[in-house]
Amino acid sequence: MRRPVAIVTALVLFGEAVGIVLINAVLATIADNQHMSLAGMDPGAMSAGTWAMGGVSGVLLVLCGLTALIAGIRDRAPGRVGRIALIGCAVVHGVLGAVSVGLLGWTAFAFLMVVLALLVLTLLAYGPESRADDVVSDRAAPAAV
Protein backbone atom coordinates (compact mmCIF):
# COMPACT_ATOMS: atom_id res chain seq x y z
CA MET A 1 0.00 0.00 0.00
CA ARG A 2 2.88 2.39 0.60
CA ARG A 3 4.10 2.41 -3.00
CA PRO A 4 0.82 3.65 -4.50
CA VAL A 5 0.47 6.27 -1.75
CA ALA A 6 3.95 7.65 -2.44
CA ILE A 7 3.35 7.70 -6.20
CA VAL A 8 -0.05 9.41 -5.83
CA THR A 9 1.55 11.94 -3.47
CA ALA A 10 4.22 12.66 -6.07
CA LEU A 11 1.67 13.12 -8.84
CA VAL A 12 -0.45 15.46 -6.70
CA LEU A 13 2.63 17.52 -5.82
CA PHE A 14 3.60 17.74 -9.50
CA GLY A 15 0.10 18.95 -10.36
CA GLU A 16 0.17 21.43 -7.52
CA ALA A 17 3.54 22.76 -8.74
CA VAL A 18 2.07 23.45 -12.18
CA GLY A 19 -0.95 25.14 -10.59
CA ILE A 20 1.17 27.36 -8.32
CA VAL A 21 3.37 28.47 -11.22
CA LEU A 22 0.34 29.25 -13.38
CA ILE A 23 -1.42 31.19 -10.60
CA ASN A 24 1.69 33.25 -9.92
CA ALA A 25 2.18 33.85 -13.65
CA VAL A 26 -1.35 35.22 -13.92
CA LEU A 27 -0.89 37.39 -10.82
CA ALA A 28 2.46 38.74 -12.09
CA THR A 29 0.97 39.55 -15.48
CA ILE A 30 -2.00 41.33 -13.93
CA ALA A 31 0.20 43.31 -11.54
CA ASP A 32 2.45 44.33 -14.44
CA ASN A 33 -0.34 45.22 -16.88
CA GLN A 34 -2.33 47.20 -14.32
CA HIS A 35 0.77 48.91 -12.90
CA MET A 36 -0.32 47.89 -9.41
CA SER A 37 1.75 48.82 -6.43
CA LEU A 38 1.54 48.27 -2.72
CA ALA A 39 2.50 51.21 -0.48
CA GLY A 40 4.34 52.91 -3.34
CA MET A 41 6.44 49.86 -4.32
CA ASP A 42 7.59 49.72 -7.92
CA PRO A 43 5.11 47.70 -10.06
CA GLY A 44 8.03 46.03 -11.83
CA ALA A 45 9.37 44.82 -8.50
CA MET A 46 5.94 43.44 -7.58
CA SER A 47 5.75 41.57 -10.87
CA ALA A 48 9.31 40.24 -10.62
CA GLY A 49 8.74 39.14 -7.03
CA THR A 50 5.59 37.27 -7.98
CA TRP A 51 7.40 35.51 -10.83
CA ALA A 52 10.25 34.56 -8.49
CA MET A 53 7.90 33.28 -5.81
CA GLY A 54 6.01 31.17 -8.34
CA GLY A 55 9.20 29.70 -9.74
CA VAL A 56 10.75 28.91 -6.37
CA SER A 57 7.51 27.42 -5.03
CA GLY A 58 7.12 25.30 -8.15
CA VAL A 59 10.70 24.02 -7.97
CA LEU A 60 10.34 23.13 -4.28
CA LEU A 61 7.08 21.28 -4.92
CA VAL A 62 8.68 19.38 -7.80
CA LEU A 63 11.65 18.42 -5.60
CA CYS A 64 9.30 17.17 -2.87
CA GLY A 65 7.34 15.27 -5.53
CA LEU A 66 10.55 13.71 -6.85
CA THR A 67 11.46 12.64 -3.33
CA ALA A 68 8.12 10.90 -2.90
CA LEU A 69 8.30 9.40 -6.39
CA ILE A 70 11.77 7.98 -5.85
CA ALA A 71 10.68 6.55 -2.49
CA GLY A 72 7.70 4.92 -4.19
CA ILE A 73 9.69 3.51 -7.10
CA ARG A 74 12.50 2.15 -4.92
CA ASP A 75 10.10 1.18 -2.11
CA ARG A 76 12.62 2.56 0.39
CA ALA A 77 12.39 5.41 2.83
CA PRO A 78 13.81 8.73 1.66
CA GLY A 79 17.05 9.87 3.22
CA ARG A 80 17.38 12.46 5.95
CA VAL A 81 17.26 15.44 3.58
CA GLY A 82 14.28 13.96 1.72
CA ARG A 83 12.36 13.37 4.95
CA ILE A 84 13.11 16.92 6.11
CA ALA A 85 11.86 18.27 2.76
CA LEU A 86 8.64 16.25 2.98
CA ILE A 87 8.09 17.31 6.60
CA GLY A 88 8.63 20.95 5.63
CA CYS A 89 6.18 20.57 2.75
CA ALA A 90 3.62 19.04 5.13
CA VAL A 91 4.03 21.90 7.61
CA VAL A 92 3.59 24.49 4.84
CA HIS A 93 0.42 22.75 3.65
CA GLY A 94 -0.94 22.72 7.19
CA VAL A 95 -0.31 26.43 7.69
CA LEU A 96 -1.66 27.34 4.25
CA GLY A 97 -4.73 25.21 4.96
CA ALA A 98 -5.41 27.13 8.14
CA VAL A 99 -5.03 30.46 6.36
CA SER A 100 -7.01 29.40 3.29
CA VAL A 101 -10.24 28.76 5.21
CA GLY A 102 -10.85 32.44 5.77
CA LEU A 103 -9.42 33.71 2.50
CA LEU A 104 -10.36 31.13 -0.12
CA GLY A 105 -13.03 28.91 1.43
CA TRP A 106 -13.54 25.32 2.40
CA THR A 107 -12.73 23.84 -1.02
CA ALA A 108 -9.16 25.14 -0.94
CA PHE A 109 -8.88 24.00 2.68
CA ALA A 110 -10.07 20.50 1.75
CA PHE A 111 -7.56 20.25 -1.11
CA LEU A 112 -4.68 21.35 1.09
CA MET A 113 -5.71 18.89 3.81
CA VAL A 114 -5.83 16.04 1.29
CA VAL A 115 -2.30 16.89 0.19
CA LEU A 116 -1.24 17.14 3.84
CA ALA A 117 -2.78 13.73 4.55
CA LEU A 118 -0.96 12.20 1.58
CA LEU A 119 2.35 13.66 2.76
CA VAL A 120 1.86 12.43 6.31
CA LEU A 121 0.77 8.99 5.11
CA THR A 122 3.86 8.77 2.90
CA LEU A 123 6.11 9.79 5.79
CA LEU A 124 4.48 7.27 8.14
CA ALA A 125 4.49 4.46 5.59
CA TYR A 126 8.23 4.87 5.11
CA GLY A 127 8.91 5.50 8.78
CA PRO A 128 11.58 3.74 10.82
CA GLU A 129 11.30 -0.02 10.58
CA SER A 130 11.56 -2.30 13.56
CA ARG A 131 15.04 -2.53 15.02
CA ALA A 132 15.10 -6.30 14.58
CA ASP A 133 15.28 -5.87 10.81
CA ASP A 134 18.08 -3.28 10.88
CA VAL A 135 20.40 -4.71 13.53
CA VAL A 136 22.84 -7.41 12.52
CA SER A 137 23.03 -10.11 15.15
CA ASP A 138 26.31 -10.34 17.06
CA ARG A 139 25.65 -13.90 18.10
CA ALA A 140 27.45 -16.67 16.30
CA ALA A 141 25.41 -18.91 14.07
CA PRO A 142 24.72 -22.36 15.49
CA ALA A 143 27.30 -24.95 14.54
CA ALA A 144 26.33 -27.54 11.96
CA VAL A 145 25.99 -31.01 13.40
C-alpha atoms as a PDB file:
ATOM      1  CA  MET A   1       0.000   0.000   0.000  1.00  0.00           C
ATOM      2  CA  ARG A   2       2.884   2.385   0.597  1.00  0.00           C
ATOM      3  CA  ARG A   3       4.101   2.414  -3.005  1.00  0.00           C
ATOM      4  CA  PRO A   4       0.819   3.651  -4.497  1.00  0.00           C
ATOM      5  CA  VAL A   5       0.470   6.271  -1.754  1.00  0.00           C
ATOM      6  CA  ALA A   6       3.954   7.652  -2.441  1.00  0.00           C
ATOM      7  CA  ILE A   7       3.352   7.704  -6.202  1.00  0.00           C
ATOM      8  CA  VAL A   8      -0.048   9.414  -5.832  1.00  0.00           C
ATOM      9  CA  THR A   9       1.550  11.940  -3.465  1.00  0.00           C
ATOM     10  CA  ALA A  10       4.218  12.662  -6.067  1.00  0.00           C
ATOM     11  CA  LEU A  11       1.666  13.116  -8.842  1.00  0.00           C
ATOM     12  CA  VAL A  12      -0.448  15.460  -6.702  1.00  0.00           C
ATOM     13  CA  LEU A  13       2.633  17.521  -5.815  1.00  0.00           C
ATOM     14  CA  PHE A  14       3.605  17.742  -9.500  1.00  0.00           C
ATOM     15  CA  GLY A  15       0.102  18.946 -10.363  1.00  0.00           C
ATOM     16  CA  GLU A  16       0.174  21.434  -7.523  1.00  0.00           C
ATOM     17  CA  ALA A  17       3.538  22.759  -8.739  1.00  0.00           C
ATOM     18  CA  VAL A  18       2.073  23.446 -12.178  1.00  0.00           C
ATOM     19  CA  GLY A  19      -0.946  25.140 -10.592  1.00  0.00           C
ATOM     20  CA  ILE A  20       1.169  27.355  -8.322  1.00  0.00           C
ATOM     21  CA  VAL A  21       3.375  28.471 -11.216  1.00  0.00           C
ATOM     22  CA  LEU A  22       0.339  29.252 -13.375  1.00  0.00           C
ATOM     23  CA  ILE A  23      -1.424  31.192 -10.602  1.00  0.00           C
ATOM     24  CA  ASN A  24       1.688  33.254  -9.923  1.00  0.00           C
ATOM     25  CA  ALA A  25       2.182  33.851 -13.647  1.00  0.00           C
ATOM     26  CA  VAL A  26      -1.351  35.221 -13.921  1.00  0.00           C
ATOM     27  CA  LEU A  27      -0.889  37.391 -10.824  1.00  0.00           C
ATOM     28  CA  ALA A  28       2.457  38.738 -12.086  1.00  0.00           C
ATOM     29  CA  THR A  29       0.975  39.548 -15.478  1.00  0.00           C
ATOM     30  CA  ILE A  30      -2.000  41.328 -13.932  1.00  0.00           C
ATOM     31  CA  ALA A  31       0.199  43.313 -11.543  1.00  0.00           C
ATOM     32  CA  ASP A  32       2.453  44.333 -14.435  1.00  0.00           C
ATOM     33  CA  ASN A  33      -0.338  45.223 -16.881  1.00  0.00           C
ATOM     34  CA  GLN A  34      -2.329  47.201 -14.323  1.00  0.00           C
ATOM     35  CA  HIS A  35       0.767  48.912 -12.902  1.00  0.00           C
ATOM     36  CA  MET A  36      -0.325  47.887  -9.414  1.00  0.00           C
ATOM     37  CA  SER A  37       1.753  48.821  -6.430  1.00  0.00           C
ATOM     38  CA  LEU A  38       1.545  48.269  -2.716  1.00  0.00           C
ATOM     39  CA  ALA A  39       2.497  51.210  -0.482  1.00  0.00           C
ATOM     40  CA  GLY A  40       4.340  52.908  -3.343  1.00  0.00           C
ATOM     41  CA  MET A  41       6.438  49.859  -4.323  1.00  0.00           C
ATOM     42  CA  ASP A  42       7.588  49.717  -7.924  1.00  0.00           C
ATOM     43  CA  PRO A  43       5.111  47.695 -10.060  1.00  0.00           C
ATOM     44  CA  GLY A  44       8.034  46.027 -11.827  1.00  0.00           C
ATOM     45  CA  ALA A  45       9.371  44.818  -8.497  1.00  0.00           C
ATOM     46  CA  MET A  46       5.942  43.443  -7.579  1.00  0.00           C
ATOM     47  CA  SER A  47       5.746  41.571 -10.866  1.00  0.00           C
ATOM     48  CA  ALA A  48       9.305  40.239 -10.619  1.00  0.00           C
ATOM     49  CA  GLY A  49       8.745  39.139  -7.025  1.00  0.00           C
ATOM     50  CA  THR A  50       5.588  37.274  -7.981  1.00  0.00           C
ATOM     51  CA  TRP A  51       7.401  35.508 -10.832  1.00  0.00           C
ATOM     52  CA  ALA A  52      10.252  34.562  -8.487  1.00  0.00           C
ATOM     53  CA  MET A  53       7.899  33.283  -5.807  1.00  0.00           C
ATOM     54  CA  GLY A  54       6.008  31.173  -8.336  1.00  0.00           C
ATOM     55  CA  GLY A  55       9.196  29.702  -9.737  1.00  0.00           C
ATOM     56  CA  VAL A  56      10.746  28.914  -6.365  1.00  0.00           C
ATOM     57  CA  SER A  57       7.507  27.424  -5.032  1.00  0.00           C
ATOM     58  CA  GLY A  58       7.125  25.302  -8.155  1.00  0.00           C
ATOM     59  CA  VAL A  59      10.699  24.019  -7.972  1.00  0.00           C
ATOM     60  CA  LEU A  60      10.339  23.133  -4.281  1.00  0.00           C
ATOM     61  CA  LEU A  61       7.083  21.277  -4.918  1.00  0.00           C
ATOM     62  CA  VAL A  62       8.682  19.376  -7.798  1.00  0.00           C
ATOM     63  CA  LEU A  63      11.651  18.416  -5.599  1.00  0.00           C
ATOM     64  CA  CYS A  64       9.299  17.167  -2.872  1.00  0.00           C
ATOM     65  CA  GLY A  65       7.344  15.271  -5.533  1.00  0.00           C
ATOM     66  CA  LEU A  66      10.548  13.706  -6.853  1.00  0.00           C
ATOM     67  CA  THR A  67      11.464  12.643  -3.328  1.00  0.00           C
ATOM     68  CA  ALA A  68       8.118  10.903  -2.897  1.00  0.00           C
ATOM     69  CA  LEU A  69       8.295   9.395  -6.388  1.00  0.00           C
ATOM     70  CA  ILE A  70      11.774   7.976  -5.848  1.00  0.00           C
ATOM     71  CA  ALA A  71      10.682   6.551  -2.490  1.00  0.00           C
ATOM     72  CA  GLY A  72       7.699   4.923  -4.188  1.00  0.00           C
ATOM     73  CA  ILE A  73       9.691   3.507  -7.098  1.00  0.00           C
ATOM     74  CA  ARG A  74      12.500   2.147  -4.917  1.00  0.00           C
ATOM     75  CA  ASP A  75      10.105   1.182  -2.110  1.00  0.00           C
ATOM     76  CA  ARG A  76      12.617   2.561   0.386  1.00  0.00           C
ATOM     77  CA  ALA A  77      12.389   5.405   2.832  1.00  0.00           C
ATOM     78  CA  PRO A  78      13.808   8.728   1.659  1.00  0.00           C
ATOM     79  CA  GLY A  79      17.055   9.871   3.217  1.00  0.00           C
ATOM     80  CA  ARG A  80      17.382  12.459   5.951  1.00  0.00           C
ATOM     81  CA  VAL A  81      17.260  15.436   3.581  1.00  0.00           C
ATOM     82  CA  GLY A  82      14.285  13.960   1.716  1.00  0.00           C
ATOM     83  CA  ARG A  83      12.364  13.368   4.952  1.00  0.00           C
ATOM     84  CA  ILE A  84      13.106  16.925   6.109  1.00  0.00           C
ATOM     85  CA  ALA A  85      11.864  18.270   2.764  1.00  0.00           C
ATOM     86  CA  LEU A  86       8.635  16.246   2.979  1.00  0.00           C
ATOM     87  CA  ILE A  87       8.087  17.314   6.600  1.00  0.00           C
ATOM     88  CA  GLY A  88       8.625  20.954   5.634  1.00  0.00           C
ATOM     89  CA  CYS A  89       6.179  20.566   2.753  1.00  0.00           C
ATOM     90  CA  ALA A  90       3.615  19.044   5.126  1.00  0.00           C
ATOM     91  CA  VAL A  91       4.026  21.901   7.612  1.00  0.00           C
ATOM     92  CA  VAL A  92       3.590  24.492   4.844  1.00  0.00           C
ATOM     93  CA  HIS A  93       0.419  22.746   3.647  1.00  0.00           C
ATOM     94  CA  GLY A  94      -0.944  22.722   7.195  1.00  0.00           C
ATOM     95  CA  VAL A  95      -0.309  26.430   7.688  1.00  0.00           C
ATOM     96  CA  LEU A  96      -1.664  27.339   4.248  1.00  0.00           C
ATOM     97  CA  GLY A  97      -4.730  25.212   4.957  1.00  0.00           C
ATOM     98  CA  ALA A  98      -5.406  27.127   8.144  1.00  0.00           C
ATOM     99  CA  VAL A  99      -5.034  30.460   6.362  1.00  0.00           C
ATOM    100  CA  SER A 100      -7.009  29.400   3.291  1.00  0.00           C
ATOM    101  CA  VAL A 101     -10.241  28.759   5.214  1.00  0.00           C
ATOM    102  CA  GLY A 102     -10.846  32.443   5.768  1.00  0.00           C
ATOM    103  CA  LEU A 103      -9.421  33.715   2.497  1.00  0.00           C
ATOM    104  CA  LEU A 104     -10.364  31.129  -0.122  1.00  0.00           C
ATOM    105  CA  GLY A 105     -13.032  28.915   1.430  1.00  0.00           C
ATOM    106  CA  TRP A 106     -13.535  25.323   2.396  1.00  0.00           C
ATOM    107  CA  THR A 107     -12.733  23.843  -1.015  1.00  0.00           C
ATOM    108  CA  ALA A 108      -9.160  25.139  -0.939  1.00  0.00           C
ATOM    109  CA  PHE A 109      -8.882  23.997   2.681  1.00  0.00           C
ATOM    110  CA  ALA A 110     -10.072  20.502   1.748  1.00  0.00           C
ATOM    111  CA  PHE A 111      -7.558  20.250  -1.113  1.00  0.00           C
ATOM    112  CA  LEU A 112      -4.675  21.354   1.094  1.00  0.00           C
ATOM    113  CA  MET A 113      -5.708  18.895   3.811  1.00  0.00           C
ATOM    114  CA  VAL A 114      -5.835  16.041   1.291  1.00  0.00           C
ATOM    115  CA  VAL A 115      -2.297  16.892   0.189  1.00  0.00           C
ATOM    116  CA  LEU A 116      -1.244  17.137   3.845  1.00  0.00           C
ATOM    117  CA  ALA A 117      -2.785  13.725   4.548  1.00  0.00           C
ATOM    118  CA  LEU A 118      -0.956  12.196   1.579  1.00  0.00           C
ATOM    119  CA  LEU A 119       2.354  13.662   2.757  1.00  0.00           C
ATOM    120  CA  VAL A 120       1.865  12.428   6.314  1.00  0.00           C
ATOM    121  CA  LEU A 121       0.771   8.989   5.106  1.00  0.00           C
ATOM    122  CA  THR A 122       3.862   8.770   2.895  1.00  0.00           C
ATOM    123  CA  LEU A 123       6.107   9.785   5.788  1.00  0.00           C
ATOM    124  CA  LEU A 124       4.482   7.274   8.138  1.00  0.00           C
ATOM    125  CA  ALA A 125       4.488   4.462   5.586  1.00  0.00           C
ATOM    126  CA  TYR A 126       8.228   4.871   5.108  1.00  0.00           C
ATOM    127  CA  GLY A 127       8.914   5.497   8.779  1.00  0.00           C
ATOM    128  CA  PRO A 128      11.577   3.740  10.815  1.00  0.00           C
ATOM    129  CA  GLU A 129      11.295  -0.019  10.581  1.00  0.00           C
ATOM    130  CA  SER A 130      11.559  -2.296  13.556  1.00  0.00           C
ATOM    131  CA  ARG A 131      15.038  -2.526  15.020  1.00  0.00           C
ATOM    132  CA  ALA A 132      15.096  -6.299  14.575  1.00  0.00           C
ATOM    133  CA  ASP A 133      15.280  -5.872  10.810  1.00  0.00           C
ATOM    134  CA  ASP A 134      18.079  -3.284  10.884  1.00  0.00           C
ATOM    135  CA  VAL A 135      20.403  -4.711  13.529  1.00  0.00           C
ATOM    136  CA  VAL A 136      22.837  -7.411  12.517  1.00  0.00           C
ATOM    137  CA  SER A 137      23.031 -10.112  15.147  1.00  0.00           C
ATOM    138  CA  ASP A 138      26.310 -10.338  17.059  1.00  0.00           C
ATOM    139  CA  ARG A 139      25.649 -13.896  18.095  1.00  0.00           C
ATOM    140  CA  ALA A 140      27.451 -16.669  16.299  1.00  0.00           C
ATOM    141  CA  ALA A 141      25.409 -18.913  14.073  1.00  0.00           C
ATOM    142  CA  PRO A 142      24.721 -22.359  15.488  1.00  0.00           C
ATOM    143  CA  ALA A 143      27.299 -24.947  14.535  1.00  0.00           C
ATOM    144  CA  ALA A 144      26.333 -27.535  11.957  1.00  0.00           C
ATOM    145  CA  VAL A 145      25.987 -31.008  13.397  1.00  0.00           C
END
